[in-house]
Amino acid sequence: MNPLLTRRQQRTICSDIGNVKLKLLYKASIHGFTGAVFHQRCDNLSPTLSVGYNSSGHVFGGYTAQSFNQSGQYMHDNTAFLFSFNGKFCKYPVVTPANAVKMVSNSGPYFGEALVLIYGNKPVVYSAPGNYYNFNAEEMHGNNLNLTECEVYQVEKSAELEKPWRTIVWESEKRKELMEGIKAYKPLISSVSQVRVLLVGPVGAGKSSFFNSINSVFKGHVTSQAIAGCAATSLTTQFRSYSVKAHRDGKPLPIILCDTMGLEDAKGAGLDIDDIMSIVKGHLPNFYQFNPTTPMSSEASNYRKSPELKDKIHCVVYVIDASKISIMSTNLEEKLDVIRRKVNLLGIPQLILLTQVDEACPLVKEDVRNIYKSGYIKDLIQDISSRLGVPMSCIVPVKNYSEELELDVNCDILLLSAVIQMLRFADDYFDEVGDRLSSLQTKVE
């Protein structure tokens, strides 16, 4: 059976419920639009998500933690809700939990007296917003009660894996080893003293927070040098190149994290793609003030016309909030795809930094060391890999410091491991540059 509910819709629902996945139990077009076959396939399995589709293209349904049966009784469920996808995800929580679902033998999923999918053994919808669930019928299903499909999914907890799917050592000595490795790193090309890493991502994904977190690890306490927080539009309005220092008065580390204005959904808002490419090619100066409606002109007085290799970006990192990946808009996804393709043409390695993993998965929130034991996080990374066209090996999860006042060894290990990957990717880039230079020199000789 192939689900009619799209991957994006499934991700949105799963993200709302939390750390779950969907298993298709019943599909009316295959099994039949009758209460009997619905109950045969779905009774005594819970929680479930029931989805209706009508001839107007509306997608709607309900969730319940109660198991369906044929008792004729109402069942109490204070977690039940109805929903619809009409351009966006709309959720309608139960208002009378004692009557959340009803167990009716000759009908399909029966949510109170508010919504029934397959009513009286017929491919129709019964709809009556009111005391049990409040919703706008026009918004939910366009007042079209002709049911073209009904699906019921079992909602399964994403299990803790028996073995971590990536190997990582959670010890203070490992933290020290990673820090020393970063301090001792030297780029493969002598004209470059520091690797330049560009952080790109949607507003609020955690670009500035990532720099603050890395800075915190090496300073020995939580810092907030880069402006970070929650807002509808980007808090970063300038191009900033941040050099991390080892300790308070230590020398700069061999990596510069370049922070940018956030990507936004609407056209003419957020970071312009042409500005991103100017940064990648080394044309934009530090502290450049972004103008979302007009990218920087090559005729501007502070435009760097002939950048050297040390001025260019050596690794591009896309910062994505794991807790919001399910609701990432098509426009943002398309912008990221355009950027990725343009950067590919320049031969610059790319990495995805997955932030807020603790908010996305309760297992990780309980203990960050569960990051590679979480089936949900693994599924999420596989999904991102598929959607954005990058290998799973190029996706690294981290937890930024946002509310903490003290450092945590395990968070530090994840953050430092991400930096190590950036340096390794930069080495790949320098290898390519070195090969090209050698090839040109051979031709000259």
Protein backbone atom coordinates (compact mmCIF):
# COMPACT_ATOMS: atom_id res chain seq x y z
CA MET A 1 0.00 0.00 0.00
CA ASN A 2 1.27 3.42 -0.90
CA PRO A 3 0.11 6.18 1.48
CA LEU A 4 -1.75 9.11 -0.05
CA LEU A 5 -0.68 11.33 2.82
CA THR A 6 2.44 13.08 1.52
CA ARG A 7 5.83 12.84 3.22
CA ARG A 8 5.61 16.53 4.13
CA GLN A 9 2.16 16.04 5.69
CA GLN A 10 3.38 12.97 7.57
CA ARG A 11 6.39 14.89 8.90
CA THR A 12 4.17 17.75 10.05
CA ILE A 13 1.83 15.43 11.93
CA CYS A 14 4.69 13.42 13.46
CA SER A 15 6.43 16.60 14.56
CA ASP A 16 3.26 17.79 16.27
CA ILE A 17 2.70 14.49 18.11
CA GLY A 18 6.42 14.06 18.86
CA ASN A 19 9.01 11.33 18.25
CA VAL A 20 6.69 9.06 16.26
CA LYS A 21 6.30 7.47 12.85
CA LEU A 22 3.23 6.31 10.90
CA LYS A 23 2.34 2.79 9.76
CA LEU A 24 -0.50 2.47 7.25
CA LEU A 25 -3.13 -0.02 8.47
CA TYR A 26 -6.16 0.60 6.29
CA LYS A 27 -6.81 2.14 2.89
CA ALA A 28 -10.49 2.26 1.91
CA SER A 29 -9.91 2.23 -1.87
CA ILE A 30 -8.13 -1.12 -1.45
CA HIS A 31 -9.92 -2.72 1.50
CA GLY A 32 -13.41 -1.28 1.06
CA PHE A 33 -15.48 1.63 2.37
CA THR A 34 -17.20 -0.35 5.14
CA GLY A 35 -17.19 -0.21 8.92
CA ALA A 36 -16.61 -3.96 9.11
CA VAL A 37 -13.30 -4.00 7.23
CA PHE A 38 -12.16 -0.81 8.96
CA HIS A 39 -12.68 -2.45 12.37
CA GLN A 40 -11.13 -5.69 11.17
CA ARG A 41 -7.89 -3.92 10.28
CA CYS A 42 -7.77 -1.18 12.92
CA ASP A 43 -9.42 -2.37 16.16
CA ASN A 44 -7.28 -2.71 19.30
CA LEU A 45 -4.38 -0.79 17.73
CA SER A 46 -3.49 2.61 19.12
CA PRO A 47 -2.78 5.45 18.87
CA THR A 48 -4.13 6.03 15.37
CA LEU A 49 -4.32 8.81 12.82
CA SER A 50 -7.35 8.75 10.50
CA VAL A 51 -7.23 10.74 7.27
CA GLY A 52 -10.01 11.60 4.84
CA TYR A 53 -9.69 12.92 1.30
CA ASN A 54 -12.53 14.44 -0.74
CA SER A 55 -13.13 15.26 -4.39
CA SER A 56 -12.21 18.92 -3.76
CA GLY A 57 -8.67 17.96 -2.77
CA HIS A 58 -9.11 18.60 0.97
CA VAL A 59 -7.12 16.49 3.44
CA PHE A 60 -8.51 16.22 6.99
CA GLY A 61 -9.05 13.78 9.83
CA GLY A 62 -8.37 13.04 13.48
CA TYR A 63 -5.99 11.54 16.03
CA THR A 64 -6.84 9.46 19.09
CA ALA A 65 -4.83 7.55 21.64
CA GLN A 66 -7.79 5.22 22.22
CA SER A 67 -8.12 1.88 20.44
CA PHE A 68 -11.11 1.48 18.14
CA ASN A 69 -13.69 -1.26 18.89
CA GLN A 70 -17.38 -1.96 18.20
CA SER A 71 -18.85 -1.44 21.69
CA GLY A 72 -21.09 1.49 20.75
CA GLN A 73 -19.63 3.48 23.65
CA TYR A 74 -17.92 6.87 23.83
CA MET A 75 -14.27 6.82 24.91
CA HIS A 76 -12.47 9.47 26.92
CA ASP A 77 -9.34 10.97 25.34
CA ASN A 78 -7.97 14.38 26.29
CA THR A 79 -5.18 14.08 23.67
CA ALA A 80 -7.54 13.65 20.69
CA PHE A 81 -7.68 16.28 17.97
CA LEU A 82 -9.02 16.90 14.48
CA PHE A 83 -6.89 18.48 11.77
CA SER A 84 -6.85 19.68 8.20
CA PHE A 85 -4.28 20.53 5.55
CA ASN A 86 -5.62 23.48 3.62
CA GLY A 87 -2.46 25.26 2.54
CA LYS A 88 -1.26 24.91 6.13
CA PHE A 89 -1.71 22.50 9.02
CA CYS A 90 -4.69 23.39 11.23
CA LYS A 91 -5.34 21.56 14.50
CA TYR A 92 -8.63 21.41 16.43
CA PRO A 93 -8.19 19.90 19.93
CA VAL A 94 -11.02 18.00 21.58
CA VAL A 95 -13.20 20.22 23.82
CA THR A 96 -15.25 17.40 25.38
CA PRO A 97 -12.70 14.66 26.17
CA ALA A 98 -15.35 12.29 27.58
CA ASN A 99 -16.89 12.09 24.08
CA ALA A 100 -13.67 12.23 22.07
CA VAL A 101 -14.34 9.07 20.03
CA LYS A 102 -17.30 6.73 19.60
CA MET A 103 -17.13 3.04 18.78
CA VAL A 104 -19.65 2.43 15.99
CA SER A 105 -19.70 -0.86 14.09
CA ASN A 106 -21.13 0.31 10.74
CA SER A 107 -18.89 3.36 10.38
CA GLY A 108 -15.24 4.23 10.04
CA PRO A 109 -13.27 6.53 12.39
CA TYR A 110 -15.89 8.30 14.53
CA PHE A 111 -14.77 11.41 16.42
CA GLY A 112 -17.51 12.31 18.92
CA GLU A 113 -20.48 13.56 16.98
CA ALA A 114 -18.25 16.03 15.13
CA LEU A 115 -16.54 14.11 12.33
CA VAL A 116 -17.06 10.63 10.89
CA LEU A 117 -15.13 9.14 7.98
CA ILE A 118 -17.16 6.42 6.18
CA TYR A 119 -20.61 7.10 7.62
CA GLY A 120 -23.12 4.27 7.63
CA ASN A 121 -20.95 2.02 5.42
CA LYS A 122 -20.85 4.68 2.70
CA PRO A 123 -17.94 6.75 1.28
CA VAL A 124 -19.27 9.94 2.83
CA VAL A 125 -18.28 12.29 5.63
CA TYR A 126 -20.47 13.25 8.56
CA SER A 127 -19.52 16.70 9.82
CA ALA A 128 -21.02 18.66 12.74
CA PRO A 129 -18.70 21.13 14.50
CA GLY A 130 -19.92 22.05 17.95
CA ASN A 131 -19.56 20.85 21.51
CA TYR A 132 -17.09 17.99 21.03
CA TYR A 133 -14.68 19.67 18.57
CA ASN A 134 -14.79 23.22 17.27
CA PHE A 135 -13.76 23.76 13.65
CA ASN A 136 -14.77 25.64 10.55
CA ALA A 137 -16.32 23.17 8.11
CA GLU A 138 -15.44 25.27 5.08
CA GLU A 139 -11.82 25.49 6.22
CA MET A 140 -11.59 21.80 7.04
CA HIS A 141 -13.21 20.13 4.03
CA GLY A 142 -14.82 22.85 1.93
CA ASN A 143 -18.25 21.47 2.89
CA ASN A 144 -17.59 18.65 0.41
CA LEU A 145 -18.79 15.44 2.10
CA ASN A 146 -17.89 13.05 -0.75
CA LEU A 147 -15.08 10.81 0.50
CA THR A 148 -12.68 9.66 -2.21
CA GLU A 149 -10.23 7.96 0.17
CA CYS A 150 -9.84 7.11 3.83
CA GLU A 151 -6.58 5.99 5.43
CA VAL A 152 -5.87 4.94 9.00
CA TYR A 153 -2.31 4.89 10.32
CA GLN A 154 -1.01 3.42 13.53
CA VAL A 155 1.14 5.97 15.35
CA GLU A 156 4.27 4.21 16.55
CA LYS A 157 6.84 5.49 18.99
CA SER A 158 10.20 5.85 17.33
CA ALA A 159 12.19 3.25 19.25
CA GLU A 160 15.56 3.56 20.91
CA LEU A 161 18.02 1.66 18.74
CA GLU A 162 19.87 -1.29 20.27
CA LYS A 163 23.19 0.04 19.02
CA PRO A 164 24.18 3.63 18.18
CA TRP A 165 24.28 4.08 14.40
CA ARG A 166 27.33 6.33 14.74
CA THR A 167 30.23 5.75 17.10
CA ILE A 168 31.04 8.52 19.53
CA VAL A 169 33.02 8.56 22.78
CA TRP A 170 31.35 10.45 25.64
CA GLU A 171 34.32 11.17 27.91
CA SER A 172 36.09 14.29 29.15
CA GLU A 173 39.31 13.01 27.59
CA LYS A 174 37.58 12.93 24.21
CA ARG A 175 36.50 16.54 24.67
CA LYS A 176 40.10 17.49 25.43
CA GLU A 177 41.37 15.51 22.43
CA LEU A 178 38.93 17.27 20.08
CA MET A 179 39.85 20.72 21.42
CA GLU A 180 43.57 20.04 21.03
CA GLY A 181 43.01 18.70 17.52
CA ILE A 182 41.25 21.91 16.49
CA LYS A 183 43.92 24.11 18.05
CA ALA A 184 46.70 22.19 16.28
CA TYR A 185 45.02 22.15 12.87
CA LYS A 186 46.79 23.85 9.95
CA PRO A 187 45.25 24.31 6.49
CA LEU A 188 46.94 22.30 3.72
CA ILE A 189 47.70 25.46 1.72
CA SER A 190 50.29 27.78 3.28
CA SER A 191 48.66 31.00 2.02
CA VAL A 192 45.61 30.24 4.18
CA SER A 193 46.00 30.49 7.95
CA GLN A 194 42.34 30.04 8.91
CA VAL A 195 39.54 27.98 7.38
CA ARG A 196 36.53 30.15 6.53
CA VAL A 197 33.19 28.42 7.14
CA LEU A 198 29.96 30.07 5.99
CA LEU A 199 26.82 29.43 8.07
CA VAL A 200 23.59 29.63 6.02
CA GLY A 201 20.06 28.82 7.11
CA PRO A 202 16.51 29.96 7.85
CA VAL A 203 15.77 32.64 10.42
CA GLY A 204 16.06 31.22 13.94
CA ALA A 205 17.80 27.99 12.93
CA GLY A 206 20.74 28.67 15.26
CA LYS A 207 23.59 30.07 13.13
CA SER A 208 24.63 32.75 15.63
CA SER A 209 23.96 30.36 18.51
CA PHE A 210 26.35 27.85 16.99
CA PHE A 211 29.19 30.39 16.96
CA ASN A 212 28.34 31.39 20.54
CA SER A 213 28.35 27.73 21.55
CA ILE A 214 31.77 27.01 19.98
CA ASN A 215 33.09 30.22 21.50
CA SER A 216 31.72 29.09 24.87
CA VAL A 217 33.52 25.75 24.69
CA PHE A 218 36.90 27.40 24.13
CA LYS A 219 36.28 30.27 26.58
CA GLY A 220 35.28 27.83 29.30
CA HIS A 221 31.91 29.47 30.01
CA VAL A 222 28.70 30.32 28.17
CA THR A 223 29.11 33.41 25.94
CA SER A 224 26.83 35.48 23.70
CA GLN A 225 29.11 37.52 21.45
CA ALA A 226 26.91 37.04 18.37
CA ILE A 227 23.34 38.36 18.59
CA ALA A 228 21.03 35.35 18.89
CA GLY A 229 17.43 34.78 19.89
CA CYS A 230 13.93 34.16 18.57
CA ALA A 231 12.30 36.54 16.10
CA ALA A 232 10.18 36.42 12.96
CA THR A 233 12.93 38.14 10.98
CA SER A 234 16.69 37.76 11.15
CA LEU A 235 18.45 39.28 14.17
CA THR A 236 21.68 39.21 12.16
CA THR A 237 21.67 42.05 9.61
CA GLN A 238 25.40 42.22 8.83
CA PHE A 239 27.92 39.83 7.38
CA ARG A 240 30.16 38.90 10.29
CA SER A 241 33.37 36.89 10.36
CA TYR A 242 33.95 35.54 13.87
CA SER A 243 37.34 34.27 14.90
CA VAL A 244 37.19 31.93 17.88
CA LYS A 245 39.93 32.33 20.50
CA ALA A 246 41.35 29.67 22.76
CA HIS A 247 40.66 30.94 26.28
CA ARG A 248 40.04 34.56 27.20
CA ASP A 249 43.33 35.97 25.95
CA GLY A 250 44.38 33.06 23.75
CA LYS A 251 45.39 33.16 20.11
CA PRO A 252 42.77 32.76 17.37
CA LEU A 253 41.88 29.22 16.34
CA PRO A 254 42.45 28.11 12.72
CA ILE A 255 38.76 28.52 11.88
CA ILE A 256 36.56 31.55 11.15
CA LEU A 257 32.79 31.16 11.36
CA CYS A 258 31.00 33.53 8.99
CA ASP A 259 27.50 34.47 10.11
CA THR A 260 24.84 35.77 7.77
CA MET A 261 21.34 37.16 7.70
CA GLY A 262 18.73 34.38 7.85
CA LEU A 263 16.93 33.00 4.82
CA GLU A 264 13.24 33.90 4.71
CA ASP A 265 10.22 32.48 2.94
CA ALA A 266 9.08 35.55 1.03
CA LYS A 267 10.79 37.03 -1.99
CA GLY A 268 12.71 40.23 -1.25
CA ALA A 269 13.09 39.24 2.40
CA GLY A 270 16.03 37.76 4.27
CA LEU A 271 19.41 36.97 2.76
CA ASP A 272 19.68 37.34 -1.02
CA ILE A 273 21.16 34.36 -2.90
CA ASP A 274 23.43 36.67 -4.95
CA ASP A 275 24.88 38.02 -1.69
CA ILE A 276 25.53 34.46 -0.54
CA MET A 277 27.52 33.74 -3.67
CA SER A 278 29.46 36.99 -3.27
CA ILE A 279 30.39 35.88 0.25
CA VAL A 280 31.42 32.42 -0.99
CA LYS A 281 33.65 33.97 -3.66
CA GLY A 282 35.24 36.35 -1.13
CA HIS A 283 33.83 39.64 -2.47
CA LEU A 284 31.96 40.89 0.63
CA PRO A 285 33.82 42.67 3.44
CA ASN A 286 33.30 42.01 7.12
CA PHE A 287 30.47 44.10 8.67
CA TYR A 288 28.73 44.48 5.30
CA GLN A 289 25.13 45.60 5.93
CA PHE A 290 22.70 43.38 4.02
CA ASN A 291 19.91 44.86 1.92
CA PRO A 292 17.34 42.10 1.25
CA THR A 293 15.90 43.91 -1.77
CA THR A 294 19.23 44.75 -3.45
CA PRO A 295 22.33 42.53 -3.44
CA MET A 296 25.74 44.16 -3.27
CA SER A 297 26.89 45.63 -6.57
CA SER A 298 30.28 44.74 -8.02
CA GLU A 299 30.73 48.50 -8.51
CA ALA A 300 30.39 49.30 -4.79
CA SER A 301 33.46 50.91 -3.24
CA ASN A 302 33.90 48.17 -0.62
CA TYR A 303 33.38 45.27 -3.06
CA ARG A 304 36.51 43.08 -3.05
CA LYS A 305 37.17 42.62 -6.78
CA SER A 306 40.15 40.27 -6.61
CA PRO A 307 39.83 38.13 -3.50
CA GLU A 308 42.61 35.75 -2.55
CA LEU A 309 42.02 32.14 -1.50
CA LYS A 310 42.23 33.16 2.16
CA ASP A 311 39.27 35.52 1.63
CA LYS A 312 36.99 32.89 0.07
CA ILE A 313 34.74 30.38 1.81
CA HIS A 314 36.26 26.92 2.19
CA CYS A 315 33.19 25.07 3.53
CA VAL A 316 29.47 25.96 3.46
CA VAL A 317 27.33 24.79 6.39
CA TYR A 318 23.53 24.81 6.23
CA VAL A 319 22.05 25.25 9.70
CA ILE A 320 18.61 23.65 10.07
CA ASP A 321 16.37 23.40 13.15
CA ALA A 322 15.50 19.71 13.66
CA SER A 323 12.27 20.63 15.46
CA LYS A 324 11.04 22.67 12.47
CA ILE A 325 12.17 20.62 9.49
CA SER A 326 8.65 19.22 9.08
CA ILE A 327 7.19 22.69 8.54
CA MET A 328 9.95 24.05 6.31
CA SER A 329 8.21 25.78 3.41
CA THR A 330 8.63 24.78 -0.21
CA ASN A 331 10.08 28.24 -0.94
CA LEU A 332 12.82 27.81 1.67
CA GLU A 333 13.58 24.32 0.44
CA GLU A 334 13.89 25.65 -3.11
CA LYS A 335 16.21 28.47 -1.97
CA LEU A 336 18.47 25.97 -0.21
CA ASP A 337 18.49 23.80 -3.32
CA VAL A 338 19.50 26.75 -5.54
CA ILE A 339 22.31 27.70 -3.14
CA ARG A 340 23.51 24.10 -2.90
CA ARG A 341 23.66 23.75 -6.69
CA LYS A 342 25.56 27.02 -7.12
CA VAL A 343 28.06 26.08 -4.40
CA ASN A 344 28.48 22.64 -5.98
CA LEU A 345 29.58 24.28 -9.22
CA LEU A 346 32.39 26.01 -7.29
CA GLY A 347 33.58 22.69 -5.85
CA ILE A 348 33.15 23.84 -2.26
CA PRO A 349 32.23 21.11 0.26
CA GLN A 350 28.91 21.41 2.07
CA LEU A 351 27.69 20.19 5.44
CA ILE A 352 24.32 20.30 7.20
CA LEU A 353 24.27 21.21 10.88
CA LEU A 354 21.11 19.92 12.56
CA THR A 355 20.32 22.02 15.65
CA GLN A 356 17.64 21.75 18.39
CA VAL A 357 17.84 17.97 18.38
CA ASP A 358 16.73 17.92 22.02
CA GLU A 359 13.53 19.79 21.11
CA ALA A 360 12.84 17.39 18.24
CA CYS A 361 13.26 14.16 20.22
CA PRO A 362 12.30 13.49 23.89
CA LEU A 363 14.90 10.70 24.06
CA VAL A 364 17.65 13.21 23.27
CA LYS A 365 16.14 15.80 25.60
CA GLU A 366 16.42 13.24 28.38
CA ASP A 367 20.10 12.65 27.60
CA VAL A 368 22.05 14.11 24.66
CA ARG A 369 24.12 10.92 24.59
CA ASN A 370 21.06 9.21 23.08
CA ILE A 371 21.50 11.21 19.88
CA TYR A 372 22.72 8.22 17.84
CA LYS A 373 20.40 5.78 19.61
CA SER A 374 17.31 7.74 18.55
CA GLY A 375 15.46 6.08 15.68
CA TYR A 376 13.55 9.34 15.22
CA ILE A 377 16.73 11.40 14.72
CA LYS A 378 18.11 8.80 12.32
CA ASP A 379 14.85 8.87 10.32
CA LEU A 380 14.95 12.67 10.36
CA ILE A 381 18.52 12.74 9.02
CA GLN A 382 17.59 10.21 6.32
CA ASP A 383 14.65 12.42 5.37
CA ILE A 384 16.81 15.58 5.19
CA SER A 385 19.36 13.66 3.13
CA SER A 386 16.64 12.73 0.64
CA ARG A 387 14.98 16.16 0.54
CA LEU A 388 18.13 18.25 0.17
CA GLY A 389 20.16 15.78 -1.87
CA VAL A 390 23.13 15.35 0.47
CA PRO A 391 24.65 12.13 1.89
CA MET A 392 23.86 11.29 5.52
CA SER A 393 27.59 11.52 6.23
CA CYS A 394 27.31 15.26 5.53
CA ILE A 395 24.65 15.81 8.23
CA VAL A 396 25.82 16.45 11.80
CA PRO A 397 23.46 16.94 14.79
CA VAL A 398 24.36 19.35 17.60
CA LYS A 399 22.82 20.98 20.64
CA ASN A 400 23.63 24.68 20.93
CA TYR A 401 23.80 26.47 24.26
CA SER A 402 20.65 28.58 24.51
CA GLU A 403 19.27 28.46 28.05
CA GLU A 404 22.17 26.93 29.99
CA LEU A 405 24.47 28.89 32.29
CA GLU A 406 27.11 26.17 32.56
CA LEU A 407 28.86 24.00 29.98
CA ASP A 408 28.08 20.31 29.50
CA VAL A 409 30.78 17.86 28.41
CA ASN A 410 28.45 15.88 26.14
CA CYS A 411 27.11 18.97 24.35
CA ASP A 412 30.72 20.12 23.91
CA ILE A 413 31.69 16.80 22.31
CA LEU A 414 28.89 17.09 19.73
CA LEU A 415 29.80 20.72 18.96
CA LEU A 416 33.53 20.00 18.67
CA SER A 417 32.89 16.94 16.50
CA ALA A 418 30.96 19.20 14.11
CA VAL A 419 33.92 21.59 13.89
CA ILE A 420 36.27 18.67 13.19
CA GLN A 421 34.03 17.67 10.27
CA MET A 422 34.18 21.22 8.90
CA LEU A 423 37.98 21.17 9.02
CA ARG A 424 38.07 17.78 7.31
CA PHE A 425 35.76 19.03 4.57
CA ALA A 426 37.94 22.12 4.15
CA ASP A 427 40.95 19.81 3.73
CA ASP A 428 39.11 18.11 0.86
CA TYR A 429 38.66 21.52 -0.76
CA PHE A 430 42.32 22.45 -0.29
CA ASP A 431 43.33 19.10 -1.79
CA GLU A 432 41.31 19.96 -4.91
CA VAL A 433 42.79 23.46 -5.09
CA GLY A 434 46.28 22.05 -4.68
CA ASP A 435 45.70 19.52 -7.46
CA ARG A 436 44.48 22.26 -9.81
CA LEU A 437 47.49 24.44 -9.03
CA SER A 438 49.85 21.52 -9.65
CA SER A 439 48.12 20.74 -12.94
CA LEU A 440 48.43 24.37 -14.10
CA GLN A 441 52.08 24.49 -13.09
CA THR A 442 52.78 21.29 -15.07
CA LYS A 443 51.15 22.77 -18.18
CA VAL A 444 53.26 25.94 -17.87
CA GLU A 445 56.46 23.92 -17.60
